[in-house]
PDB file of N, CA and C in Angstrom:
ATOM      1  N   MET A   1     -52.732 -74.512  58.276  1.00  0.00           N
ATOM      2  CA  MET A   1     -53.486 -74.249  59.456  1.00  0.00           C
ATOM      3  C   MET A   1     -54.888 -74.552  59.168  1.00  0.00           C
ATOM      4  N   GLN A   2     -55.415 -74.204  57.909  1.00  0.00           N
ATOM      5  CA  GLN A   2     -56.791 -74.599  57.532  1.00  0.00           C
ATOM      6  C   GLN A   2     -56.991 -76.109  57.478  1.00  0.00           C
ATOM      7  N   LYS A   3     -56.162 -76.745  56.982  1.00  0.00           N
ATOM      8  CA  LYS A   3     -56.221 -78.157  56.789  1.00  0.00           C
ATOM      9  C   LYS A   3     -56.495 -78.955  58.161  1.00  0.00           C
ATOM     10  N   LYS A   4     -55.799 -78.589  59.250  1.00  0.00           N
ATOM     11  CA  LYS A   4     -55.940 -78.934  60.732  1.00  0.00           C
ATOM     12  C   LYS A   4     -57.382 -78.475  61.061  1.00  0.00           C
ATOM     13  N   THR A   5     -57.667 -77.392  60.960  1.00  0.00           N
ATOM     14  CA  THR A   5     -59.018 -77.026  61.403  1.00  0.00           C
ATOM     15  C   THR A   5     -60.315 -77.774  60.727  1.00  0.00           C
ATOM     16  N   ARG A   6     -59.920 -78.009  59.495  1.00  0.00           N
ATOM     17  CA  ARG A   6     -61.086 -78.940  58.638  1.00  0.00           C
ATOM     18  C   ARG A   6     -61.169 -80.466  59.267  1.00  0.00           C
ATOM     19  N   SER A   7     -59.860 -80.846  59.556  1.00  0.00           N
ATOM     20  CA  SER A   7     -59.675 -82.231  60.238  1.00  0.00           C
ATOM     21  C   SER A   7     -60.443 -82.323  61.383  1.00  0.00           C
ATOM     22  N   LEU A   8     -60.109 -81.355  62.229  1.00  0.00           N
ATOM     23  CA  LEU A   8     -60.860 -81.313  63.614  1.00  0.00           C
ATOM     24  C   LEU A   8     -62.242 -81.054  63.497  1.00  0.00           C
ATOM     25  N   LEU A   9     -62.829 -80.249  62.651  1.00  0.00           N
ATOM     26  CA  LEU A   9     -64.239 -80.190  62.555  1.00  0.00           C
ATOM     27  C   LEU A   9     -64.836 -81.464  61.967  1.00  0.00           C
ATOM     28  N   GLU A  10     -63.915 -82.281  61.035  1.00  0.00           N
ATOM     29  CA  GLU A  10     -64.574 -83.499  60.499  1.00  0.00           C
ATOM     30  C   GLU A  10     -64.528 -84.410  61.577  1.00  0.00           C
ATOM     31  N   GLU A  11     -63.598 -84.383  62.575  1.00  0.00           N
ATOM     32  CA  GLU A  11     -63.503 -85.488  63.674  1.00  0.00           C
ATOM     33  C   GLU A  11     -64.738 -85.104  64.658  1.00  0.00           C
ATOM     34  N   LEU A  12     -65.104 -83.818  65.021  1.00  0.00           N
ATOM     35  CA  LEU A  12     -66.131 -83.476  65.654  1.00  0.00           C
ATOM     36  C   LEU A  12     -67.278 -83.941  65.179  1.00  0.00           C
ATOM     37  N   ASP A  13     -67.678 -83.798  63.919  1.00  0.00           N
ATOM     38  CA  ASP A  13     -68.725 -84.277  63.360  1.00  0.00           C
ATOM     39  C   ASP A  13     -69.006 -85.700  63.235  1.00  0.00           C
ATOM     40  N   ALA A  14     -67.906 -86.342  63.247  1.00  0.00           N
ATOM     41  CA  ALA A  14     -67.981 -87.982  63.193  1.00  0.00           C
ATOM     42  C   ALA A  14     -68.449 -88.344  64.417  1.00  0.00           C
ATOM     43  N   MET A  15     -67.889 -87.697  65.545  1.00  0.00           N
ATOM     44  CA  MET A  15     -68.210 -88.097  66.861  1.00  0.00           C
ATOM     45  C   MET A  15     -69.861 -87.961  67.136  1.00  0.00           C
ATOM     46  N   TYR A  16     -70.315 -86.751  66.556  1.00  0.00           N
ATOM     47  CA  TYR A  16     -71.775 -86.396  66.902  1.00  0.00           C
ATOM     48  C   TYR A  16     -72.687 -87.471  66.007  1.00  0.00           C
ATOM     49  N   VAL A  17     -72.156 -87.898  64.818  1.00  0.00           N
ATOM     50  CA  VAL A  17     -72.864 -89.003  64.208  1.00  0.00           C
ATOM     51  C   VAL A  17     -72.902 -90.194  64.802  1.00  0.00           C
ATOM     52  N   GLU A  18     -71.681 -90.631  65.473  1.00  0.00           N
ATOM     53  CA  GLU A  18     -71.592 -91.830  66.228  1.00  0.00           C
ATOM     54  C   GLU A  18     -72.429 -91.814  67.370  1.00  0.00           C
ATOM     55  N   ARG A  19     -72.376 -90.898  68.203  1.00  0.00           N
ATOM     56  CA  ARG A  19     -73.312 -90.748  69.496  1.00  0.00           C
ATOM     57  C   ARG A  19     -74.803 -90.914  68.934  1.00  0.00           C
ATOM     58  N   ASP A  20     -75.255 -90.120  67.907  1.00  0.00           N
ATOM     59  CA  ASP A  20     -76.633 -90.300  67.446  1.00  0.00           C
ATOM     60  C   ASP A  20     -77.046 -91.513  66.821  1.00  0.00           C
ATOM     61  N   ARG A  21     -76.105 -92.497  66.399  1.00  0.00           N
ATOM     62  CA  ARG A  21     -76.298 -93.861  65.716  1.00  0.00           C
ATOM     63  C   ARG A  21     -76.528 -94.602  67.206  1.00  0.00           C
ATOM     64  N   LYS A  22     -75.694 -94.529  68.044  1.00  0.00           N
ATOM     65  CA  LYS A  22     -75.699 -95.056  69.442  1.00  0.00           C
ATOM     66  C   LYS A  22     -77.128 -94.907  70.248  1.00  0.00           C
ATOM     67  N   LEU A  23     -77.542 -93.692  70.249  1.00  0.00           N
ATOM     68  CA  LEU A  23     -78.752 -93.230  70.788  1.00  0.00           C
ATOM     69  C   LEU A  23     -79.948 -93.794  69.985  1.00  0.00           C
ATOM     70  N   LEU A  24     -79.937 -93.919  68.651  1.00  0.00           N
ATOM     71  CA  LEU A  24     -80.825 -94.467  67.726  1.00  0.00           C
ATOM     72  C   LEU A  24     -80.807 -96.059  68.070  1.00  0.00           C
ATOM     73  N   ILE A  25     -79.843 -96.807  68.280  1.00  0.00           N
ATOM     74  CA  ILE A  25     -79.737 -98.046  68.567  1.00  0.00           C
ATOM     75  C   ILE A  25     -80.254 -98.401  69.896  1.00  0.00           C
ATOM     76  N   GLU A  26     -79.953 -97.459  70.908  1.00  0.00           N
ATOM     77  CA  GLU A  26     -80.661 -97.616  72.439  1.00  0.00           C
ATOM     78  C   GLU A  26     -82.156 -97.442  72.268  1.00  0.00           C
ATOM     79  N   ASN A  27     -82.638 -96.535  71.550  1.00  0.00           N
ATOM     80  CA  ASN A  27     -84.133 -96.279  71.441  1.00  0.00           C
ATOM     81  C   ASN A  27     -84.788 -97.282  70.786  1.00  0.00           C
ATOM     82  N   ARG A  28     -84.370 -97.679  69.716  1.00  0.00           N
ATOM     83  CA  ARG A  28     -85.005 -98.820  69.015  1.00  0.00           C
ATOM     84  C   ARG A  28     -84.988-100.000  69.735  1.00  0.00           C
ATOM     85  N   ALA A  29     -84.119-100.410  70.333  1.00  0.00           N
ATOM     86  CA  ALA A  29     -83.902-101.543  71.322  1.00  0.00           C
ATOM     87  C   ALA A  29     -84.941-101.568  72.438  1.00  0.00           C
ATOM     88  N   ALA A  30     -84.940-100.346  73.197  1.00  0.00           N
ATOM     89  CA  ALA A  30     -85.868-100.235  74.227  1.00  0.00           C
ATOM     90  C   ALA A  30     -87.390-100.373  73.694  1.00  0.00           C
ATOM     91  N   ALA A  31     -87.761 -99.750  72.482  1.00  0.00           N
ATOM     92  CA  ALA A  31     -88.981 -99.954  71.775  1.00  0.00           C
ATOM     93  C   ALA A  31     -89.237-101.493  71.501  1.00  0.00           C
ATOM     94  N   LEU A  32     -88.296-102.168  70.849  1.00  0.00           N
ATOM     95  CA  LEU A  32     -88.509-103.524  70.505  1.00  0.00           C
ATOM     96  C   LEU A  32     -88.782-104.504  71.820  1.00  0.00           C
ATOM     97  N   ILE A  33     -87.816-104.105  72.820  1.00  0.00           N
ATOM     98  CA  ILE A  33     -88.061-104.763  73.949  1.00  0.00           C
ATOM     99  C   ILE A  33     -89.441-104.783  74.533  1.00  0.00           C
ATOM    100  N   ASN A  34     -89.657-103.551  74.827  1.00  0.00           N
ATOM    101  CA  ASN A  34     -91.228-103.365  75.238  1.00  0.00           C
ATOM    102  C   ASN A  34     -92.390-103.951  74.522  1.00  0.00           C
ATOM    103  N   ASN A  35     -92.092-103.892  73.192  1.00  0.00           N
ATOM    104  CA  ASN A  35     -93.125-104.598  72.275  1.00  0.00           C
ATOM    105  C   ASN A  35     -93.088-106.014  72.326  1.00  0.00           C
ATOM    106  N   ALA A  36     -91.971-106.598  72.534  1.00  0.00           N
ATOM    107  CA  ALA A  36     -91.778-108.164  72.784  1.00  0.00           C
ATOM    108  C   ALA A  36     -92.392-108.609  74.118  1.00  0.00           C
ATOM    109  N   ILE A  37     -92.358-107.930  75.015  1.00  0.00           N
ATOM    110  CA  ILE A  37     -92.904-107.987  76.592  1.00  0.00           C
ATOM    111  C   ILE A  37     -94.419-108.088  76.315  1.00  0.00           C
ATOM    112  N   LYS A  38     -94.904-107.144  75.514  1.00  0.00           N
ATOM    113  CA  LYS A  38     -96.347-106.940  75.333  1.00  0.00           C
ATOM    114  C   LYS A  38     -96.875-108.222  74.567  1.00  0.00           C
ATOM    115  N   LEU A  39     -96.179-108.539  73.482  1.00  0.00           N
ATOM    116  CA  LEU A  39     -96.378-109.814  72.648  1.00  0.00           C
ATOM    117  C   LEU A  39     -96.399-111.134  73.622  1.00  0.00           C
ATOM    118  N   MET A  40     -95.540-111.335  74.440  1.00  0.00           N
ATOM    119  CA  MET A  40     -95.413-112.400  75.331  1.00  0.00           C
ATOM    120  C   MET A  40     -96.511-112.417  76.204  1.00  0.00           C
ATOM    121  N   GLU A  41     -96.907-111.191  76.784  1.00  0.00           N
ATOM    122  CA  GLU A  41     -98.099-111.122  77.657  1.00  0.00           C
ATOM    123  C   GLU A  41     -99.416-111.783  77.004  1.00  0.00           C
ATOM    124  N   GLU A  42     -99.512-111.260  75.689  1.00  0.00           N
ATOM    125  CA  GLU A  42    -100.671-111.615  74.929  1.00  0.00           C
ATOM    126  C   GLU A  42    -100.612-112.900  74.483  1.00  0.00           C
ATOM    127  N   ILE A  43     -99.368-113.577  74.165  1.00  0.00           N
ATOM    128  CA  ILE A  43     -99.319-115.052  73.939  1.00  0.00           C
ATOM    129  C   ILE A  43     -99.828-115.789  75.196  1.00  0.00           C
ATOM    130  N   ASP A  44     -99.284-115.206  76.551  1.00  0.00           N
ATOM    131  CA  ASP A  44     -99.898-115.825  77.547  1.00  0.00           C
ATOM    132  C   ASP A  44    -101.333-115.839  77.727  1.00  0.00           C
ATOM    133  N   ARG A  45    -102.100-114.702  77.478  1.00  0.00           N
ATOM    134  CA  ARG A  45    -103.501-114.760  77.538  1.00  0.00           C
ATOM    135  C   ARG A  45    -104.291-115.652  76.548  1.00  0.00           C
ATOM    136  N   GLU A  46    -103.861-115.730  75.446  1.00  0.00           N
ATOM    137  CA  GLU A  46    -104.350-116.378  74.451  1.00  0.00           C
ATOM    138  C   GLU A  46    -104.253-117.886  74.188  1.00  0.00           C
ATOM    139  N   PHE A  47    -103.244-118.339  74.866  1.00  0.00           N
ATOM    140  CA  PHE A  47    -102.762-119.825  74.663  1.00  0.00           C
ATOM    141  C   PHE A  47    -102.723-120.680  76.024  1.00  0.00           C
ATOM    142  N   SER A  48    -102.832-121.798  76.006  1.00  0.00           N
ATOM    143  CA  SER A  48    -102.472-122.834  77.275  1.00  0.00           C
ATOM    144  C   SER A  48    -101.215-122.248  77.765  1.00  0.00           C
ATOM    145  N   PRO A  49    -100.821-122.669  79.067  1.00  0.00           N
ATOM    146  CA  PRO A  49     -99.474-122.476  79.256  1.00  0.00           C
ATOM    147  C   PRO A  49     -98.394-123.301  78.584  1.00  0.00           C
ATOM    148  N   GLU A  50     -98.505-124.467  78.346  1.00  0.00           N
ATOM    149  CA  GLU A  50     -97.785-125.113  77.458  1.00  0.00           C
ATOM    150  C   GLU A  50     -97.597-124.707  76.000  1.00  0.00           C
ATOM    151  N   GLN A  51     -98.763-124.188  75.429  1.00  0.00           N
ATOM    152  CA  GLN A  51     -98.639-123.780  74.174  1.00  0.00           C
ATOM    153  C   GLN A  51     -97.815-122.448  74.068  1.00  0.00           C
ATOM    154  N   ALA A  52     -98.356-121.546  75.252  1.00  0.00           N
ATOM    155  CA  ALA A  52     -97.522-120.212  75.426  1.00  0.00           C
ATOM    156  C   ALA A  52     -96.078-120.498  75.639  1.00  0.00           C
ATOM    157  N   GLU A  53     -95.618-121.281  76.473  1.00  0.00           N
ATOM    158  CA  GLU A  53     -94.244-121.547  76.601  1.00  0.00           C
ATOM    159  C   GLU A  53     -93.594-121.941  75.240  1.00  0.00           C
ATOM    160  N   ASN A  54     -94.123-122.634  74.493  1.00  0.00           N
ATOM    161  CA  ASN A  54     -93.613-123.287  73.267  1.00  0.00           C
ATOM    162  C   ASN A  54     -93.495-122.090  72.198  1.00  0.00           C
ATOM    163  N   LEU A  55     -94.526-121.196  72.440  1.00  0.00           N
ATOM    164  CA  LEU A  55     -94.524-120.151  71.314  1.00  0.00           C
ATOM    165  C   LEU A  55     -93.401-118.998  71.814  1.00  0.00           C
ATOM    166  N   GLN A  56     -93.330-118.833  72.823  1.00  0.00           N
ATOM    167  CA  GLN A  56     -92.353-117.953  73.495  1.00  0.00           C
ATOM    168  C   GLN A  56     -90.852-118.304  73.119  1.00  0.00           C
ATOM    169  N   ARG A  57     -90.727-119.649  73.239  1.00  0.00           N
ATOM    170  CA  ARG A  57     -89.314-120.178  72.765  1.00  0.00           C
ATOM    171  C   ARG A  57     -89.199-119.896  71.551  1.00  0.00           C
ATOM    172  N   LYS A  58     -90.154-120.274  70.571  1.00  0.00           N
ATOM    173  CA  LYS A  58     -90.006-120.385  69.243  1.00  0.00           C
ATOM    174  C   LYS A  58     -89.570-118.671  68.687  1.00  0.00           C
ATOM    175  N   LEU A  59     -90.456-117.874  69.588  1.00  0.00           N
ATOM    176  CA  LEU A  59     -90.308-116.380  69.248  1.00  0.00           C
ATOM    177  C   LEU A  59     -88.793-116.082  69.484  1.00  0.00           C
ATOM    178  N   LEU A  60     -88.255-116.364  70.589  1.00  0.00           N
ATOM    179  CA  LEU A  60     -86.793-116.115  70.714  1.00  0.00           C
ATOM    180  C   LEU A  60     -85.969-116.720  70.005  1.00  0.00           C
ATOM    181  N   ASN A  61     -86.204-118.074  69.661  1.00  0.00           N
ATOM    182  CA  ASN A  61     -85.368-118.777  68.578  1.00  0.00           C
ATOM    183  C   ASN A  61     -85.539-118.137  67.052  1.00  0.00           C
ATOM    184  N   ALA A  62     -86.761-117.662  66.788  1.00  0.00           N
ATOM    185  CA  ALA A  62     -86.687-116.941  65.298  1.00  0.00           C
ATOM    186  C   ALA A  62     -86.268-115.639  65.645  1.00  0.00           C
ATOM    187  N   ILE A  63     -85.872-114.861  66.611  1.00  0.00           N
ATOM    188  CA  ILE A  63     -85.059-113.636  66.732  1.00  0.00           C
ATOM    189  C   ILE A  63     -83.617-114.048  66.557  1.00  0.00           C
ATOM    190  N   ARG A  64     -83.217-115.315  67.282  1.00  0.00           N
ATOM    191  CA  ARG A  64     -81.732-115.591  67.376  1.00  0.00           C
ATOM    192  C   ARG A  64     -81.305-115.872  65.893  1.00  0.00           C
ATOM    193  N   THR A  65     -82.322-116.587  65.347  1.00  0.00           N
ATOM    194  CA  THR A  65     -81.907-117.163  63.846  1.00  0.00           C
ATOM    195  C   THR A  65     -82.224-116.373  62.676  1.00  0.00           C
ATOM    196  N   LYS A  66     -82.855-115.302  63.159  1.00  0.00           N
ATOM    197  CA  LYS A  66     -83.238-114.072  62.083  1.00  0.00           C
ATOM    198  C   LYS A  66     -84.094-114.565  61.111  1.00  0.00           C
ATOM    199  N   ASP A  67     -85.205-115.400  61.622  1.00  0.00           N
ATOM    200  CA  ASP A  67     -86.061-116.179  60.797  1.00  0.00           C
ATOM    201  C   ASP A  67     -87.397-115.716  61.262  1.00  0.00           C
ATOM    202  N   SER A  68     -88.149-114.771  60.751  1.00  0.00           N
ATOM    203  CA  SER A  68     -89.643-114.353  61.347  1.00  0.00           C
ATOM    204  C   SER A  68     -90.594-115.422  60.747  1.00  0.00           C
ATOM    205  N   GLY A  69     -90.397-116.191  59.740  1.00  0.00           N
ATOM    206  CA  GLY A  69     -91.268-117.293  59.295  1.00  0.00           C
ATOM    207  C   GLY A  69     -91.389-118.573  60.390  1.00  0.00           C
ATOM    208  N   LYS A  70     -90.219-118.680  60.936  1.00  0.00           N
ATOM    209  CA  LYS A  70     -90.225-119.770  61.927  1.00  0.00           C
ATOM    210  C   LYS A  70     -91.347-119.561  62.769  1.00  0.00           C
ATOM    211  N   PHE A  71     -91.515-118.456  63.373  1.00  0.00           N
ATOM    212  CA  PHE A  71     -92.528-118.183  64.453  1.00  0.00           C
ATOM    213  C   PHE A  71     -93.977-118.073  63.904  1.00  0.00           C
ATOM    214  N   ALA A  72     -93.978-117.481  62.693  1.00  0.00           N
ATOM    215  CA  ALA A  72     -95.373-117.508  61.883  1.00  0.00           C
ATOM    216  C   ALA A  72     -95.853-118.955  61.785  1.00  0.00           C
ATOM    217  N   ARG A  73     -94.937-119.809  61.269  1.00  0.00           N
ATOM    218  CA  ARG A  73     -95.248-121.312  61.145  1.00  0.00           C
ATOM    219  C   ARG A  73     -95.834-121.924  62.355  1.00  0.00           C
ATOM    220  N   SER A  74     -95.072-121.507  63.539  1.00  0.00           N
ATOM    221  CA  SER A  74     -95.456-122.160  64.856  1.00  0.00           C
ATOM    222  C   SER A  74     -96.814-121.681  65.216  1.00  0.00           C
ATOM    223  N   VAL A  75     -97.154-120.438  65.333  1.00  0.00           N
ATOM    224  CA  VAL A  75     -98.481-119.812  65.617  1.00  0.00           C
ATOM    225  C   VAL A  75     -99.597-120.595  64.805  1.00  0.00           C
ATOM    226  N   ARG A  76     -99.237-120.645  63.412  1.00  0.00           N
ATOM    227  CA  ARG A  76    -100.248-121.336  62.512  1.00  0.00           C
ATOM    228  C   ARG A  76    -100.473-122.790  62.881  1.00  0.00           C
ATOM    229  N   ARG A  77     -99.618-123.625  63.210  1.00  0.00           N
ATOM    230  CA  ARG A  77     -99.485-124.721  63.770  1.00  0.00           C
ATOM    231  C   ARG A  77    -100.267-124.937  65.035  1.00  0.00           C
ATOM    232  N   THR A  78    -100.002-123.853  65.819  1.00  0.00           N
ATOM    233  CA  THR A  78    -100.757-124.069  67.262  1.00  0.00           C
ATOM    234  C   THR A  78    -102.202-123.883  67.012  1.00  0.00           C
ATOM    235  N   ASN A  79    -102.655-122.749  66.117  1.00  0.00           N
ATOM    236  CA  ASN A  79    -103.987-122.317  65.877  1.00  0.00           C
ATOM    237  C   ASN A  79    -104.735-123.705  65.430  1.00  0.00           C
ATOM    238  N   ALA A  80    -104.055-124.363  64.427  1.00  0.00           N
ATOM    239  CA  ALA A  80    -104.590-125.645  63.933  1.00  0.00           C
ATOM    240  C   ALA A  80    -104.868-126.736  64.844  1.00  0.00           C
ATOM    241  N   ASP A  81    -103.972-126.889  65.732  1.00  0.00           N
ATOM    242  CA  ASP A  81    -104.152-127.788  67.059  1.00  0.00           C
ATOM    243  C   ASP A  81    -105.302-127.564  67.821  1.00  0.00           C
ATOM    244  N   SER A  82    -105.528-126.152  67.930  1.00  0.00           N
ATOM    245  CA  SER A  82    -106.599-125.800  68.941  1.00  0.00           C
ATOM    246  C   SER A  82    -108.006-126.077  68.615  1.00  0.00           C
TER     247      SER A  82
END
């Protein structure tokens, strides 16, 4: 009897941890998206329309390829061209 009780408690605990992880992911994603929107608005203010469009494309590509250096190099190149 006690073994079943322990198993049920472990299962309930695992469900709680899983829910917390999903909530954490949801919250982090919302914060990241809001910050990305603010960054894209800042890029629009600071660069010409052509440069802003290029940098925003590079930003999304850097996220997709998981290479933050790619975006940083693009910003440096754009600054050098200005």
